[in-house]
């Protein structure tokens, strides 16, 4: 069972470098497709998908239809 984090500030303080990189891309670009995130981050598609899934579990990003992502 996943529990909601009490505040996103707590989540953001304990980010891994790849998570921080992807969050910064989303802050800069806004609603962004996974292909653009891969290109901008220079990370492989499987790594980006894994990081995005973790960020979804932490309720930091939201996946929209078409593998488009946005910050919550």
N, C-alpha and C. Protein backbone atom coordinates (compact mmCIF):
# COMPACT_ATOMS: atom_id res chain seq x y z
N UNK A 1 0.84 -1.18 0.00
CA UNK A 1 0.00 0.00 0.00
C UNK A 1 0.89 1.24 0.00
N UNK A 2 0.60 2.15 -0.90
CA UNK A 2 1.35 3.39 -0.97
C UNK A 2 0.66 4.44 -0.12
N UNK A 3 1.43 5.15 0.63
CA UNK A 3 0.88 6.21 1.46
C UNK A 3 1.27 7.55 0.88
N UNK A 4 0.35 8.48 0.94
CA UNK A 4 0.65 9.83 0.48
C UNK A 4 1.69 10.45 1.40
N UNK A 5 2.62 11.15 0.81
CA UNK A 5 3.61 11.87 1.61
C UNK A 5 2.95 13.10 2.21
N UNK A 6 3.27 13.44 3.44
CA UNK A 6 2.62 14.57 4.09
C UNK A 6 2.88 15.89 3.39
N UNK A 7 4.04 16.04 2.77
CA UNK A 7 4.29 17.27 2.02
C UNK A 7 5.27 16.99 0.91
N UNK A 8 5.07 17.67 -0.20
CA UNK A 8 5.98 17.46 -1.33
C UNK A 8 7.35 18.05 -1.03
N UNK A 9 7.44 18.97 -0.11
CA UNK A 9 8.74 19.54 0.26
C UNK A 9 9.65 18.46 0.82
N UNK A 10 9.10 17.55 1.60
CA UNK A 10 9.90 16.45 2.14
C UNK A 10 10.40 15.56 1.02
N UNK A 11 9.57 15.32 0.02
CA UNK A 11 9.96 14.49 -1.12
C UNK A 11 11.09 15.15 -1.89
N UNK A 12 10.96 16.42 -2.14
CA UNK A 12 11.92 17.12 -2.98
C UNK A 12 13.29 17.23 -2.33
N UNK A 13 13.34 17.17 -1.00
CA UNK A 13 14.63 17.29 -0.34
C UNK A 13 15.45 16.01 -0.41
N UNK A 14 14.80 14.89 -0.72
CA UNK A 14 15.52 13.61 -0.75
C UNK A 14 15.58 13.01 -2.15
N UNK A 15 15.66 13.85 -3.17
CA UNK A 15 15.68 13.37 -4.55
C UNK A 15 17.04 12.81 -4.94
N UNK A 16 16.99 11.81 -5.78
CA UNK A 16 18.21 11.29 -6.40
C UNK A 16 18.59 12.22 -7.55
N UNK A 17 19.84 12.21 -7.98
CA UNK A 17 20.27 13.11 -9.07
C UNK A 17 19.44 12.98 -10.35
N UNK A 18 19.10 11.75 -10.76
CA UNK A 18 18.29 11.58 -11.97
C UNK A 18 16.88 12.12 -11.77
N UNK A 19 16.33 11.96 -10.58
CA UNK A 19 15.01 12.50 -10.29
C UNK A 19 15.02 14.02 -10.36
N UNK A 20 16.04 14.61 -9.77
CA UNK A 20 16.17 16.07 -9.78
C UNK A 20 16.31 16.59 -11.21
N UNK A 21 17.10 15.89 -12.01
CA UNK A 21 17.29 16.28 -13.41
C UNK A 21 15.96 16.28 -14.16
N UNK A 22 15.19 15.24 -14.01
CA UNK A 22 13.91 15.13 -14.72
C UNK A 22 12.91 16.17 -14.20
N UNK A 23 12.88 16.41 -12.91
CA UNK A 23 12.00 17.43 -12.36
C UNK A 23 12.37 18.80 -12.90
N UNK A 24 13.66 19.09 -13.00
CA UNK A 24 14.09 20.38 -13.55
C UNK A 24 13.67 20.53 -15.02
N UNK A 25 13.73 19.45 -15.77
CA UNK A 25 13.27 19.49 -17.17
C UNK A 25 11.78 19.79 -17.21
N UNK A 26 11.00 19.14 -16.36
CA UNK A 26 9.57 19.39 -16.33
C UNK A 26 9.24 20.79 -15.85
N UNK A 27 10.02 21.33 -14.92
CA UNK A 27 9.82 22.71 -14.48
C UNK A 27 10.05 23.68 -15.64
N UNK A 28 11.09 23.41 -16.41
CA UNK A 28 11.46 24.29 -17.52
C UNK A 28 10.48 24.17 -18.68
N UNK A 29 10.09 22.95 -19.03
CA UNK A 29 9.29 22.71 -20.24
C UNK A 29 7.79 22.65 -19.98
N UNK A 30 7.39 22.38 -18.74
CA UNK A 30 5.96 22.18 -18.48
C UNK A 30 5.55 20.78 -18.89
N UNK A 31 4.35 20.64 -19.43
CA UNK A 31 3.84 19.35 -19.87
C UNK A 31 4.74 18.84 -20.99
N UNK A 32 5.34 17.66 -20.79
CA UNK A 32 6.39 17.19 -21.70
C UNK A 32 6.27 15.70 -21.94
N UNK A 33 6.52 15.30 -23.18
CA UNK A 33 6.51 13.89 -23.55
C UNK A 33 7.78 13.19 -23.10
N UNK A 34 7.68 11.88 -22.96
CA UNK A 34 8.81 11.09 -22.50
C UNK A 34 10.00 11.17 -23.46
N UNK A 35 9.73 11.30 -24.77
CA UNK A 35 10.82 11.39 -25.75
C UNK A 35 11.65 12.65 -25.53
N UNK A 36 10.99 13.75 -25.24
CA UNK A 36 11.69 15.01 -24.98
C UNK A 36 12.49 14.90 -23.69
N UNK A 37 11.92 14.26 -22.68
CA UNK A 37 12.63 14.08 -21.41
C UNK A 37 13.89 13.25 -21.63
N UNK A 38 13.78 12.19 -22.43
CA UNK A 38 14.95 11.36 -22.74
C UNK A 38 16.01 12.18 -23.45
N UNK A 39 15.61 12.96 -24.41
CA UNK A 39 16.54 13.76 -25.19
C UNK A 39 17.23 14.81 -24.33
N UNK A 40 16.44 15.52 -23.54
CA UNK A 40 16.99 16.59 -22.70
C UNK A 40 17.88 16.05 -21.58
N UNK A 41 17.51 14.91 -21.02
CA UNK A 41 18.26 14.37 -19.88
C UNK A 41 19.47 13.55 -20.31
N UNK A 42 19.45 13.09 -21.58
CA UNK A 42 20.48 12.19 -22.10
C UNK A 42 20.54 10.87 -21.34
N UNK A 43 19.39 10.48 -20.80
CA UNK A 43 19.24 9.19 -20.14
C UNK A 43 18.49 8.26 -21.09
N UNK A 44 18.69 6.97 -20.96
CA UNK A 44 17.99 6.01 -21.79
C UNK A 44 16.51 5.94 -21.47
N UNK A 45 15.70 5.49 -22.42
CA UNK A 45 14.25 5.43 -22.21
C UNK A 45 13.84 4.58 -21.01
N UNK A 46 14.52 3.46 -20.78
CA UNK A 46 14.14 2.61 -19.64
C UNK A 46 14.47 3.30 -18.31
N UNK A 47 15.57 4.02 -18.26
CA UNK A 47 15.94 4.74 -17.05
C UNK A 47 14.95 5.88 -16.78
N UNK A 48 14.61 6.63 -17.83
CA UNK A 48 13.65 7.73 -17.68
C UNK A 48 12.30 7.18 -17.22
N UNK A 49 11.84 6.09 -17.83
CA UNK A 49 10.56 5.49 -17.45
C UNK A 49 10.57 5.05 -16.00
N UNK A 50 11.67 4.48 -15.56
CA UNK A 50 11.81 4.03 -14.18
C UNK A 50 11.76 5.21 -13.21
N UNK A 51 12.51 6.26 -13.52
CA UNK A 51 12.54 7.44 -12.66
C UNK A 51 11.16 8.09 -12.62
N UNK A 52 10.51 8.21 -13.78
CA UNK A 52 9.17 8.81 -13.82
C UNK A 52 8.17 7.99 -13.01
N UNK A 53 8.28 6.68 -13.07
CA UNK A 53 7.38 5.83 -12.29
C UNK A 53 7.58 6.07 -10.79
N UNK A 54 8.83 6.15 -10.37
CA UNK A 54 9.11 6.44 -8.96
C UNK A 54 8.54 7.80 -8.56
N UNK A 55 8.70 8.79 -9.43
CA UNK A 55 8.16 10.12 -9.15
C UNK A 55 6.63 10.12 -9.11
N UNK A 56 6.02 9.26 -9.91
CA UNK A 56 4.56 9.10 -9.86
C UNK A 56 4.15 8.51 -8.51
N UNK A 57 4.88 7.47 -8.06
CA UNK A 57 4.57 6.85 -6.78
C UNK A 57 4.70 7.87 -5.64
N UNK A 58 5.64 8.78 -5.78
CA UNK A 58 5.85 9.81 -4.76
C UNK A 58 4.91 10.99 -4.94
N UNK A 59 4.06 10.93 -5.96
CA UNK A 59 3.07 11.96 -6.28
C UNK A 59 3.71 13.31 -6.55
N UNK A 60 4.82 13.26 -7.29
CA UNK A 60 5.51 14.47 -7.70
C UNK A 60 5.18 14.79 -9.16
N UNK A 61 5.02 13.75 -9.98
CA UNK A 61 4.61 13.93 -11.37
C UNK A 61 3.35 13.13 -11.64
N UNK A 62 2.67 13.53 -12.71
CA UNK A 62 1.46 12.83 -13.14
C UNK A 62 1.63 12.45 -14.59
N UNK A 63 1.26 11.23 -14.92
CA UNK A 63 1.31 10.75 -16.30
C UNK A 63 -0.04 11.02 -16.95
N UNK A 64 0.00 11.69 -18.08
CA UNK A 64 -1.19 11.99 -18.85
C UNK A 64 -1.23 11.04 -20.05
N UNK A 65 -2.37 10.91 -20.72
CA UNK A 65 -2.42 10.03 -21.89
C UNK A 65 -1.36 10.39 -22.93
N UNK A 66 -0.77 9.36 -23.54
CA UNK A 66 0.24 9.57 -24.57
C UNK A 66 1.65 9.69 -24.02
N UNK A 67 1.86 9.18 -22.80
CA UNK A 67 3.16 9.26 -22.14
C UNK A 67 3.66 10.71 -22.04
N UNK A 68 2.74 11.58 -21.66
CA UNK A 68 3.03 12.98 -21.41
C UNK A 68 3.06 13.15 -19.90
N UNK A 69 4.01 13.91 -19.41
CA UNK A 69 4.19 14.06 -17.96
C UNK A 69 4.12 15.52 -17.55
N UNK A 70 3.65 15.72 -16.32
CA UNK A 70 3.52 17.06 -15.76
C UNK A 70 3.79 16.98 -14.26
N UNK A 71 4.30 18.06 -13.71
CA UNK A 71 4.48 18.11 -12.27
C UNK A 71 3.12 18.27 -11.60
N UNK A 72 2.96 17.66 -10.44
CA UNK A 72 1.70 17.74 -9.70
C UNK A 72 1.61 19.09 -9.03
